[in-house]
PDB file of N, CA and C in Angstrom:
ATOM      1  N   MET A   1       0.837  -1.178   0.000  1.00  0.00           N
ATOM      2  CA  MET A   1       0.000   0.000   0.000  1.00  0.00           C
ATOM      3  C   MET A   1       0.887   1.248   0.000  1.00  0.00           C
ATOM      4  N   GLU A   2       0.712   2.057  -0.991  1.00  0.00           N
ATOM      5  CA  GLU A   2       1.500   3.290  -1.081  1.00  0.00           C
ATOM      6  C   GLU A   2       0.775   4.409  -0.347  1.00  0.00           C
ATOM      7  N   VAL A   3       1.502   5.085   0.533  1.00  0.00           N
ATOM      8  CA  VAL A   3       0.956   6.226   1.250  1.00  0.00           C
ATOM      9  C   VAL A   3       1.479   7.483   0.567  1.00  0.00           C
ATOM     10  N   ARG A   4       0.559   8.338   0.160  1.00  0.00           N
ATOM     11  CA  ARG A   4       0.944   9.568  -0.527  1.00  0.00           C
ATOM     12  C   ARG A   4       0.944  10.724   0.459  1.00  0.00           C
ATOM     13  N   LEU A   5       1.818  11.710   0.198  1.00  0.00           N
ATOM     14  CA  LEU A   5       1.913  12.866   1.087  1.00  0.00           C
ATOM     15  C   LEU A   5       0.569  13.552   1.256  1.00  0.00           C
ATOM     16  N   GLN A   6      -0.159  13.709   0.155  1.00  0.00           N
ATOM     17  CA  GLN A   6      -1.445  14.400   0.241  1.00  0.00           C
ATOM     18  C   GLN A   6      -2.441  13.624   1.106  1.00  0.00           C
ATOM     19  N   ASP A   7      -2.306  12.298   1.169  1.00  0.00           N
ATOM     20  CA  ASP A   7      -3.184  11.500   2.029  1.00  0.00           C
ATOM     21  C   ASP A   7      -2.928  11.797   3.504  1.00  0.00           C
ATOM     22  N   LEU A   8      -1.706  12.197   3.810  1.00  0.00           N
ATOM     23  CA  LEU A   8      -1.327  12.499   5.191  1.00  0.00           C
ATOM     24  C   LEU A   8      -1.477  13.979   5.520  1.00  0.00           C
ATOM     25  N   GLY A   9      -1.863  14.777   4.531  1.00  0.00           N
ATOM     26  CA  GLY A   9      -1.992  16.212   4.743  1.00  0.00           C
ATOM     27  C   GLY A   9      -0.651  16.922   4.813  1.00  0.00           C
ATOM     28  N   ILE A  10       0.375  16.306   4.231  1.00  0.00           N
ATOM     29  CA  ILE A  10       1.718  16.880   4.243  1.00  0.00           C
ATOM     30  C   ILE A  10       1.967  17.557   2.899  1.00  0.00           C
ATOM     31  N   LEU A  11       2.520  18.759   2.948  1.00  0.00           N
ATOM     32  CA  LEU A  11       2.848  19.466   1.716  1.00  0.00           C
ATOM     33  C   LEU A  11       3.979  18.759   0.985  1.00  0.00           C
ATOM     34  N   ARG A  12       3.915  18.770  -0.324  1.00  0.00           N
ATOM     35  CA  ARG A  12       4.984  18.197  -1.140  1.00  0.00           C
ATOM     36  C   ARG A  12       6.119  19.216  -1.214  1.00  0.00           C
ATOM     37  N   PRO A  13       7.337  18.823  -0.889  1.00  0.00           N
ATOM     38  CA  PRO A  13       8.448  19.775  -0.918  1.00  0.00           C
ATOM     39  C   PRO A  13       8.797  20.182  -2.352  1.00  0.00           C
ATOM     40  N   ASP A  14       9.271  21.405  -2.502  1.00  0.00           N
ATOM     41  CA  ASP A  14       9.746  21.871  -3.808  1.00  0.00           C
ATOM     42  C   ASP A  14      11.062  21.199  -4.171  1.00  0.00           C
ATOM     43  N   ILE A  15      11.877  20.934  -3.146  1.00  0.00           N
ATOM     44  CA  ILE A  15      13.181  20.316  -3.391  1.00  0.00           C
ATOM     45  C   ILE A  15      13.616  19.532  -2.154  1.00  0.00           C
ATOM     46  N   VAL A  16      14.241  18.394  -2.402  1.00  0.00           N
ATOM     47  CA  VAL A  16      14.851  17.580  -1.346  1.00  0.00           C
ATOM     48  C   VAL A  16      16.290  17.358  -1.788  1.00  0.00           C
ATOM     49  N   LEU A  17      17.233  17.840  -1.008  1.00  0.00           N
ATOM     50  CA  LEU A  17      18.636  17.669  -1.349  1.00  0.00           C
ATOM     51  C   LEU A  17      19.169  16.408  -0.683  1.00  0.00           C
ATOM     52  N   VAL A  18      19.677  15.503  -1.493  1.00  0.00           N
ATOM     53  CA  VAL A  18      20.278  14.266  -0.998  1.00  0.00           C
ATOM     54  C   VAL A  18      21.781  14.479  -0.998  1.00  0.00           C
ATOM     55  N   LEU A  19      22.355  14.694   0.180  1.00  0.00           N
ATOM     56  CA  LEU A  19      23.795  14.893   0.290  1.00  0.00           C
ATOM     57  C   LEU A  19      24.445  13.518   0.193  1.00  0.00           C
ATOM     58  N   ASP A  20      24.961  13.217  -0.979  1.00  0.00           N
ATOM     59  CA  ASP A  20      25.456  11.883  -1.304  1.00  0.00           C
ATOM     60  C   ASP A  20      26.855  11.674  -0.732  1.00  0.00           C
ATOM     61  N   VAL A  21      26.877  10.998   0.406  1.00  0.00           N
ATOM     62  CA  VAL A  21      28.131  10.669   1.072  1.00  0.00           C
ATOM     63  C   VAL A  21      28.431   9.188   0.912  1.00  0.00           C
ATOM     64  N   GLY A  22      27.416   8.375   0.838  1.00  0.00           N
ATOM     65  CA  GLY A  22      27.606   6.932   0.714  1.00  0.00           C
ATOM     66  C   GLY A  22      27.844   6.298   2.065  1.00  0.00           C
ATOM     67  N   PRO A  23      27.344   5.090   2.262  1.00  0.00           N
ATOM     68  CA  PRO A  23      27.406   4.464   3.579  1.00  0.00           C
ATOM     69  C   PRO A  23      28.812   4.140   4.067  1.00  0.00           C
ATOM     70  N   LYS A  24      29.730   3.804   3.175  1.00  0.00           N
ATOM     71  CA  LYS A  24      31.090   3.474   3.639  1.00  0.00           C
ATOM     72  C   LYS A  24      31.791   4.692   4.218  1.00  0.00           C
ATOM     73  N   VAL A  25      31.688   5.815   3.526  1.00  0.00           N
ATOM     74  CA  VAL A  25      32.312   7.043   4.032  1.00  0.00           C
ATOM     75  C   VAL A  25      31.568   7.526   5.273  1.00  0.00           C
ATOM     76  N   ALA A  26      30.244   7.435   5.263  1.00  0.00           N
ATOM     77  CA  ALA A  26      29.450   7.850   6.431  1.00  0.00           C
ATOM     78  C   ALA A  26      29.846   7.038   7.659  1.00  0.00           C
ATOM     79  N   ARG A  27      30.063   5.753   7.454  1.00  0.00           N
ATOM     80  CA  ARG A  27      30.468   4.895   8.574  1.00  0.00           C
ATOM     81  C   ARG A  27      31.837   5.313   9.095  1.00  0.00           C
ATOM     82  N   LYS A  28      32.753   5.580   8.195  1.00  0.00           N
ATOM     83  CA  LYS A  28      34.105   6.017   8.581  1.00  0.00           C
ATOM     84  C   LYS A  28      34.026   7.330   9.372  1.00  0.00           C
ATOM     85  N   LEU A  29      33.204   8.268   8.919  1.00  0.00           N
ATOM     86  CA  LEU A  29      33.052   9.542   9.613  1.00  0.00           C
ATOM     87  C   LEU A  29      32.412   9.348  10.982  1.00  0.00           C
ATOM     88  N   ALA A  30      31.423   8.462  11.067  1.00  0.00           N
ATOM     89  CA  ALA A  30      30.758   8.203  12.347  1.00  0.00           C
ATOM     90  C   ALA A  30      31.733   7.632  13.368  1.00  0.00           C
ATOM     91  N   LEU A  31      32.663   6.811  12.900  1.00  0.00           N
ATOM     92  CA  LEU A  31      33.655   6.224  13.813  1.00  0.00           C
ATOM     93  C   LEU A  31      34.609   7.270  14.366  1.00  0.00           C
ATOM     94  N   GLN A  32      34.724   8.396  13.695  1.00  0.00           N
ATOM     95  CA  GLN A  32      35.618   9.470  14.146  1.00  0.00           C
ATOM     96  C   GLN A  32      34.951  10.390  15.171  1.00  0.00           C
ATOM     97  N   LYS A  33      33.643  10.253  15.344  1.00  0.00           N
ATOM     98  CA  LYS A  33      32.925  11.112  16.279  1.00  0.00           C
ATOM     99  C   LYS A  33      33.219  10.690  17.710  1.00  0.00           C
ATOM    100  N   GLY A  34      33.234  11.667  18.574  1.00  0.00           N
ATOM    101  CA  GLY A  34      33.394  11.397  19.990  1.00  0.00           C
ATOM    102  C   GLY A  34      32.046  11.120  20.626  1.00  0.00           C
ATOM    103  N   PRO A  35      32.050  10.909  21.929  1.00  0.00           N
ATOM    104  CA  PRO A  35      30.788  10.705  22.645  1.00  0.00           C
ATOM    105  C   PRO A  35      29.877  11.924  22.472  1.00  0.00           C
ATOM    106  N   ARG A  36      28.589  11.659  22.284  1.00  0.00           N
ATOM    107  CA  ARG A  36      27.629  12.742  22.074  1.00  0.00           C
ATOM    108  C   ARG A  36      26.646  12.788  23.231  1.00  0.00           C
ATOM    109  N   SER A  37      26.474  13.980  23.779  1.00  0.00           N
ATOM    110  CA  SER A  37      25.630  14.133  24.969  1.00  0.00           C
ATOM    111  C   SER A  37      24.192  13.718  24.704  1.00  0.00           C
ATOM    112  N   TYR A  38      23.665  14.021  23.504  1.00  0.00           N
ATOM    113  CA  TYR A  38      22.270  13.676  23.219  1.00  0.00           C
ATOM    114  C   TYR A  38      22.071  12.178  23.037  1.00  0.00           C
ATOM    115  N   LEU A  39      23.171  11.427  22.998  1.00  0.00           N
ATOM    116  CA  LEU A  39      23.089   9.960  22.937  1.00  0.00           C
ATOM    117  C   LEU A  39      23.497   9.341  24.270  1.00  0.00           C
ATOM    118  N   GLY A  40      23.517  10.151  25.310  1.00  0.00           N
ATOM    119  CA  GLY A  40      23.902   9.641  26.625  1.00  0.00           C
ATOM    120  C   GLY A  40      25.366   9.248  26.685  1.00  0.00           C
ATOM    121  N   GLY A  41      26.204   9.956  25.920  1.00  0.00           N
ATOM    122  CA  GLY A  41      27.633   9.684  25.929  1.00  0.00           C
ATOM    123  C   GLY A  41      28.080   8.625  24.928  1.00  0.00           C
ATOM    124  N   ARG A  42      27.128   8.025  24.216  1.00  0.00           N
ATOM    125  CA  ARG A  42      27.508   7.031  23.203  1.00  0.00           C
ATOM    126  C   ARG A  42      28.035   7.738  21.960  1.00  0.00           C
ATOM    127  N   ARG A  43      28.723   6.987  21.114  1.00  0.00           N
ATOM    128  CA  ARG A  43      29.301   7.549  19.900  1.00  0.00           C
ATOM    129  C   ARG A  43      28.416   7.375  18.669  1.00  0.00           C
ATOM    130  N   LYS A  44      27.530   6.387  18.673  1.00  0.00           N
ATOM    131  CA  LYS A  44      26.700   6.086  17.501  1.00  0.00           C
ATOM    132  C   LYS A  44      25.224   6.120  17.869  1.00  0.00           C
ATOM    133  N   ASP A  45      24.412   6.626  16.911  1.00  0.00           N
ATOM    134  CA  ASP A  45      22.968   6.550  17.104  1.00  0.00           C
ATOM    135  C   ASP A  45      22.476   5.215  16.543  1.00  0.00           C
ATOM    136  N   ILE A  46      21.183   4.988  16.595  1.00  0.00           N
ATOM    137  CA  ILE A  46      20.623   3.701  16.170  1.00  0.00           C
ATOM    138  C   ILE A  46      20.963   3.398  14.713  1.00  0.00           C
ATOM    139  N   ALA A  47      20.807   4.382  13.820  1.00  0.00           N
ATOM    140  CA  ALA A  47      21.074   4.159  12.391  1.00  0.00           C
ATOM    141  C   ALA A  47      22.562   3.901  12.145  1.00  0.00           C
ATOM    142  N   GLU A  48      23.423   4.586  12.872  1.00  0.00           N
ATOM    143  CA  GLU A  48      24.860   4.400  12.676  1.00  0.00           C
ATOM    144  C   GLU A  48      25.325   3.019  13.136  1.00  0.00           C
ATOM    145  N   LYS A  49      24.602   2.408  14.037  1.00  0.00           N
ATOM    146  CA  LYS A  49      24.957   1.068  14.522  1.00  0.00           C
ATOM    147  C   LYS A  49      24.599  -0.023  13.525  1.00  0.00           C
ATOM    148  N   ASP A  50      23.657   0.255  12.633  1.00  0.00           N
ATOM    149  CA  ASP A  50      23.149  -0.762  11.713  1.00  0.00           C
ATOM    150  C   ASP A  50      23.592  -0.445  10.280  1.00  0.00           C
ATOM    151  N   PHE A  51      24.738  -0.994   9.874  1.00  0.00           N
ATOM    152  CA  PHE A  51      25.293  -0.685   8.555  1.00  0.00           C
ATOM    153  C   PHE A  51      24.373  -1.156   7.433  1.00  0.00           C
ATOM    154  N   ASN A  52      23.701  -2.280   7.623  1.00  0.00           N
ATOM    155  CA  ASN A  52      22.757  -2.765   6.623  1.00  0.00           C
ATOM    156  C   ASN A  52      21.638  -1.741   6.393  1.00  0.00           C
ATOM    157  N   HIS A  53      21.138  -1.174   7.468  1.00  0.00           N
ATOM    158  CA  HIS A  53      20.104  -0.135   7.367  1.00  0.00           C
ATOM    159  C   HIS A  53      20.645   1.072   6.590  1.00  0.00           C
ATOM    160  N   GLN A  54      21.873   1.459   6.861  1.00  0.00           N
ATOM    161  CA  GLN A  54      22.474   2.594   6.156  1.00  0.00           C
ATOM    162  C   GLN A  54      22.553   2.321   4.655  1.00  0.00           C
ATOM    163  N   GLU A  55      22.966   1.123   4.284  1.00  0.00           N
ATOM    164  CA  GLU A  55      23.061   0.782   2.863  1.00  0.00           C
ATOM    165  C   GLU A  55      21.689   0.786   2.192  1.00  0.00           C
ATOM    166  N   GLU A  56      20.689   0.233   2.867  1.00  0.00           N
ATOM    167  CA  GLU A  56      19.336   0.202   2.300  1.00  0.00           C
ATOM    168  C   GLU A  56      18.770   1.611   2.159  1.00  0.00           C
ATOM    169  N   ALA A  57      18.970   2.445   3.152  1.00  0.00           N
ATOM    170  CA  ALA A  57      18.485   3.826   3.099  1.00  0.00           C
ATOM    171  C   ALA A  57      19.186   4.583   1.964  1.00  0.00           C
ATOM    172  N   TYR A  58      20.482   4.375   1.822  1.00  0.00           N
ATOM    173  CA  TYR A  58      21.252   5.029   0.763  1.00  0.00           C
ATOM    174  C   TYR A  58      20.705   4.659  -0.616  1.00  0.00           C
ATOM    175  N   ARG A  59      20.447   3.363  -0.825  1.00  0.00           N
ATOM    176  CA  ARG A  59      19.886   2.924  -2.110  1.00  0.00           C
ATOM    177  C   ARG A  59      18.533   3.581  -2.370  1.00  0.00           C
ATOM    178  N   GLU A  60      17.732   3.696  -1.323  1.00  0.00           N
ATOM    179  CA  GLU A  60      16.412   4.318  -1.476  1.00  0.00           C
ATOM    180  C   GLU A  60      16.539   5.806  -1.784  1.00  0.00           C
ATOM    181  N   TYR A  61      17.453   6.500  -1.147  1.00  0.00           N
ATOM    182  CA  TYR A  61      17.671   7.924  -1.443  1.00  0.00           C
ATOM    183  C   TYR A  61      18.084   8.110  -2.901  1.00  0.00           C
ATOM    184  N   LEU A  62      18.974   7.261  -3.375  1.00  0.00           N
ATOM    185  CA  LEU A  62      19.409   7.371  -4.769  1.00  0.00           C
ATOM    186  C   LEU A  62      18.262   7.049  -5.725  1.00  0.00           C
ATOM    187  N   ARG A  63      17.432   6.074  -5.361  1.00  0.00           N
ATOM    188  CA  ARG A  63      16.265   5.751  -6.197  1.00  0.00           C
ATOM    189  C   ARG A  63      15.317   6.938  -6.271  1.00  0.00           C
ATOM    190  N   MET A  64      15.074   7.563  -5.147  1.00  0.00           N
ATOM    191  CA  MET A  64      14.193   8.732  -5.129  1.00  0.00           C
ATOM    192  C   MET A  64      14.786   9.861  -5.973  1.00  0.00           C
ATOM    193  N   ALA A  65      16.094  10.043  -5.908  1.00  0.00           N
ATOM    194  CA  ALA A  65      16.736  11.103  -6.702  1.00  0.00           C
ATOM    195  C   ALA A  65      16.634  10.812  -8.197  1.00  0.00           C
ATOM    196  N   ARG A  66      16.566   9.527  -8.565  1.00  0.00           N
ATOM    197  CA  ARG A  66      16.415   9.160  -9.986  1.00  0.00           C
ATOM    198  C   ARG A  66      14.979   9.283 -10.465  1.00  0.00           C
ATOM    199  N   THR A  67      14.021   9.072  -9.568  1.00  0.00           N
ATOM    200  CA  THR A  67      12.633   8.940 -10.007  1.00  0.00           C
ATOM    201  C   THR A  67      11.735  10.123  -9.659  1.00  0.00           C
ATOM    202  N   ASP A  68      12.132  10.947  -8.709  1.00  0.00           N
ATOM    203  CA  ASP A  68      11.298  12.078  -8.290  1.00  0.00           C
ATOM    204  C   ASP A  68      12.053  13.366  -8.581  1.00  0.00           C
ATOM    205  N   PRO A  69      11.529  14.205  -9.457  1.00  0.00           N
ATOM    206  CA  PRO A  69      12.229  15.437  -9.840  1.00  0.00           C
ATOM    207  C   PRO A  69      12.498  16.391  -8.670  1.00  0.00           C
ATOM    208  N   ALA A  70      11.731  16.285  -7.588  1.00  0.00           N
ATOM    209  CA  ALA A  70      11.963  17.150  -6.428  1.00  0.00           C
ATOM    210  C   ALA A  70      13.218  16.734  -5.663  1.00  0.00           C
ATOM    211  N   TRP A  71      13.627  15.480  -5.816  1.00  0.00           N
ATOM    212  CA  TRP A  71      14.805  14.967  -5.112  1.00  0.00           C
ATOM    213  C   TRP A  71      16.032  15.183  -5.991  1.00  0.00           C
ATOM    214  N   VAL A  72      17.049  15.860  -5.446  1.00  0.00           N
ATOM    215  CA  VAL A  72      18.251  16.191  -6.207  1.00  0.00           C
ATOM    216  C   VAL A  72      19.477  15.691  -5.447  1.00  0.00           C
ATOM    217  N   ARG A  73      20.276  14.911  -6.134  1.00  0.00           N
ATOM    218  CA  ARG A  73      21.502  14.353  -5.552  1.00  0.00           C
ATOM    219  C   ARG A  73      22.607  15.400  -5.590  1.00  0.00           C
ATOM    220  N   VAL A  74      23.276  15.595  -4.442  1.00  0.00           N
ATOM    221  CA  VAL A  74      24.410  16.504  -4.336  1.00  0.00           C
ATOM    222  C   VAL A  74      25.638  15.657  -4.013  1.00  0.00           C
ATOM    223  N   PRO A  75      26.550  15.457  -4.982  1.00  0.00           N
ATOM    224  CA  PRO A  75      27.752  14.676  -4.699  1.00  0.00           C
ATOM    225  C   PRO A  75      28.595  15.360  -3.625  1.00  0.00           C
ATOM    226  N   CYS A  76      29.062  14.597  -2.646  1.00  0.00           N
ATOM    227  CA  CYS A  76      29.863  15.146  -1.554  1.00  0.00           C
ATOM    228  C   CYS A  76      31.206  14.436  -1.402  1.00  0.00           C
ATOM    229  N   ILE A  77      31.490  13.495  -2.290  1.00  0.00           N
ATOM    230  CA  ILE A  77      32.702  12.686  -2.207  1.00  0.00           C
ATOM    231  C   ILE A  77      33.474  12.803  -3.523  1.00  0.00           C
ATOM    232  N   THR A  78      34.773  12.988  -3.413  1.00  0.00           N
ATOM    233  CA  THR A  78      35.648  12.955  -4.579  1.00  0.00           C
ATOM    234  C   THR A  78      36.813  12.028  -4.249  1.00  0.00           C
ATOM    235  N   GLU A  79      37.000  11.023  -5.099  1.00  0.00           N
ATOM    236  CA  GLU A  79      38.078  10.039  -4.913  1.00  0.00           C
ATOM    237  C   GLU A  79      38.077   9.454  -3.500  1.00  0.00           C
ATOM    238  N   GLY A  80      36.879   9.114  -3.022  1.00  0.00           N
ATOM    239  CA  GLY A  80      36.756   8.438  -1.735  1.00  0.00           C
ATOM    240  C   GLY A  80      36.862   9.322  -0.513  1.00  0.00           C
ATOM    241  N   ARG A  81      36.979  10.632  -0.708  1.00  0.00           N
ATOM    242  CA  ARG A  81      37.131  11.545   0.429  1.00  0.00           C
ATOM    243  C   ARG A  81      36.023  12.588   0.421  1.00  0.00           C
ATOM    244  N   LEU A  82      35.605  12.970   1.621  1.00  0.00           N
ATOM    245  CA  LEU A  82      34.576  13.987   1.767  1.00  0.00           C
ATOM    246  C   LEU A  82      35.100  15.318   1.242  1.00  0.00           C
ATOM    247  N   ASP A  83      34.300  15.964   0.384  1.00  0.00           N
ATOM    248  CA  ASP A  83      34.672  17.273  -0.142  1.00  0.00           C
ATOM    249  C   ASP A  83      34.602  18.319   0.961  1.00  0.00           C
ATOM    250  N   SER A  84      35.242  19.444   0.733  1.00  0.00           N
ATOM    251  CA  SER A  84      35.231  20.518   1.728  1.00  0.00           C
ATOM    252  C   SER A  84      33.833  21.104   1.857  1.00  0.00           C
ATOM    253  N   ASP A  85      33.591  21.736   2.985  1.00  0.00           N
ATOM    254  CA  ASP A  85      32.308  22.407   3.199  1.00  0.00           C
ATOM    255  C   ASP A  85      32.042  23.412   2.084  1.00  0.00           C
ATOM    256  N   GLN A  86      33.070  24.133   1.667  1.00  0.00           N
ATOM    257  CA  GLN A  86      32.908  25.162   0.637  1.00  0.00           C
ATOM    258  C   GLN A  86      32.485  24.544  -0.695  1.00  0.00           C
ATOM    259  N   VAL A  87      33.093  23.450  -1.083  1.00  0.00           N
ATOM    260  CA  VAL A  87      32.749  22.785  -2.345  1.00  0.00           C
ATOM    261  C   VAL A  87      31.300  22.288  -2.287  1.00  0.00           C
ATOM    262  N   ILE A  88      30.926  21.670  -1.176  1.00  0.00           N
ATOM    263  CA  ILE A  88      29.557  21.167  -1.035  1.00  0.00           C
ATOM    264  C   ILE A  88      28.573  22.339  -1.047  1.00  0.00           C
ATOM    265  N   TYR A  89      28.911  23.405  -0.339  1.00  0.00           N
ATOM    266  CA  TYR A  89      28.061  24.598  -0.330  1.00  0.00           C
ATOM    267  C   TYR A  89      27.837  25.127  -1.747  1.00  0.00           C
ATOM    268  N   GLU A  90      28.900  25.209  -2.524  1.00  0.00           N
ATOM    269  CA  GLU A  90      28.783  25.727  -3.893  1.00  0.00           C
ATOM    270  C   GLU A  90      27.881  24.843  -4.749  1.00  0.00           C
ATOM    271  N   ARG A  91      27.988  23.545  -4.576  1.00  0.00           N
ATOM    272  CA  ARG A  91      27.108  22.633  -5.318  1.00  0.00           C
ATOM    273  C   ARG A  91      25.655  22.833  -4.906  1.00  0.00           C
ATOM    274  N   ILE A  92      25.424  22.950  -3.606  1.00  0.00           N
ATOM    275  CA  ILE A  92      24.057  23.166  -3.120  1.00  0.00           C
ATOM    276  C   ILE A  92      23.517  24.491  -3.642  1.00  0.00           C
ATOM    277  N   TRP A  93      24.310  25.551  -3.542  1.00  0.00           N
ATOM    278  CA  TRP A  93      23.841  26.861  -3.974  1.00  0.00           C
ATOM    279  C   TRP A  93      23.492  26.864  -5.462  1.00  0.00           C
ATOM    280  N   GLU A  94      24.278  26.188  -6.261  1.00  0.00           N
ATOM    281  CA  GLU A  94      23.999  26.129  -7.701  1.00  0.00           C
ATOM    282  C   GLU A  94      22.643  25.470  -7.950  1.00  0.00           C
ATOM    283  N   ILE A  95      22.348  24.427  -7.222  1.00  0.00           N
ATOM    284  CA  ILE A  95      21.062  23.741  -7.375  1.00  0.00           C
ATOM    285  C   ILE A  95      19.917  24.634  -6.905  1.00  0.00           C
ATOM    286  N   VAL A  96      20.064  25.196  -5.718  1.00  0.00           N
ATOM    287  CA  VAL A  96      19.003  26.028  -5.153  1.00  0.00           C
ATOM    288  C   VAL A  96      18.788  27.272  -6.015  1.00  0.00           C
ATOM    289  N   ARG A  97      19.854  27.891  -6.468  1.00  0.00           N
ATOM    290  CA  ARG A  97      19.770  29.102  -7.285  1.00  0.00           C
ATOM    291  C   ARG A  97      18.922  28.867  -8.522  1.00  0.00           C
ATOM    292  N   THR A  98      19.055  27.711  -9.124  1.00  0.00           N
ATOM    293  CA  THR A  98      18.275  27.426 -10.336  1.00  0.00           C
ATOM    294  C   THR A  98      16.795  27.227 -10.031  1.00  0.00           C
ATOM    295  N   LYS A  99      16.460  26.919  -8.768  1.00  0.00           N
ATOM    296  CA  LYS A  99      15.067  26.692  -8.375  1.00  0.00           C
ATOM    297  C   LYS A  99      14.368  27.995  -7.964  1.00  0.00           C
ATOM    298  N   LEU A 100      15.156  29.047  -7.721  1.00  0.00           N
ATOM    299  CA  LEU A 100      14.552  30.330  -7.263  1.00  0.00           C
ATOM    300  C   LEU A 100      13.819  31.028  -8.385  1.00  0.00           C
TER     301      LEU A 100
END
């Protein structure tokens, strides 16, 4: 059974930015995080603990970016490394600017 946004009374977004980091890099970055107070001092949240879930969610995000024009993929990795904040910002701004 497919649930549609309008069935839930939720507005359809004009744009959804998918910051494409990929589960392997995301996992590596999560391992570098220190204890987080909002997690009671733990280093990983529920999603970060389940790599299979991360991979499945990633595939679904990419599918949505391919099939729904409102979803736009923003590459954030170059040669296996996370791009700088400035590079990612510029990519995001270029996408958003065209939607204004």
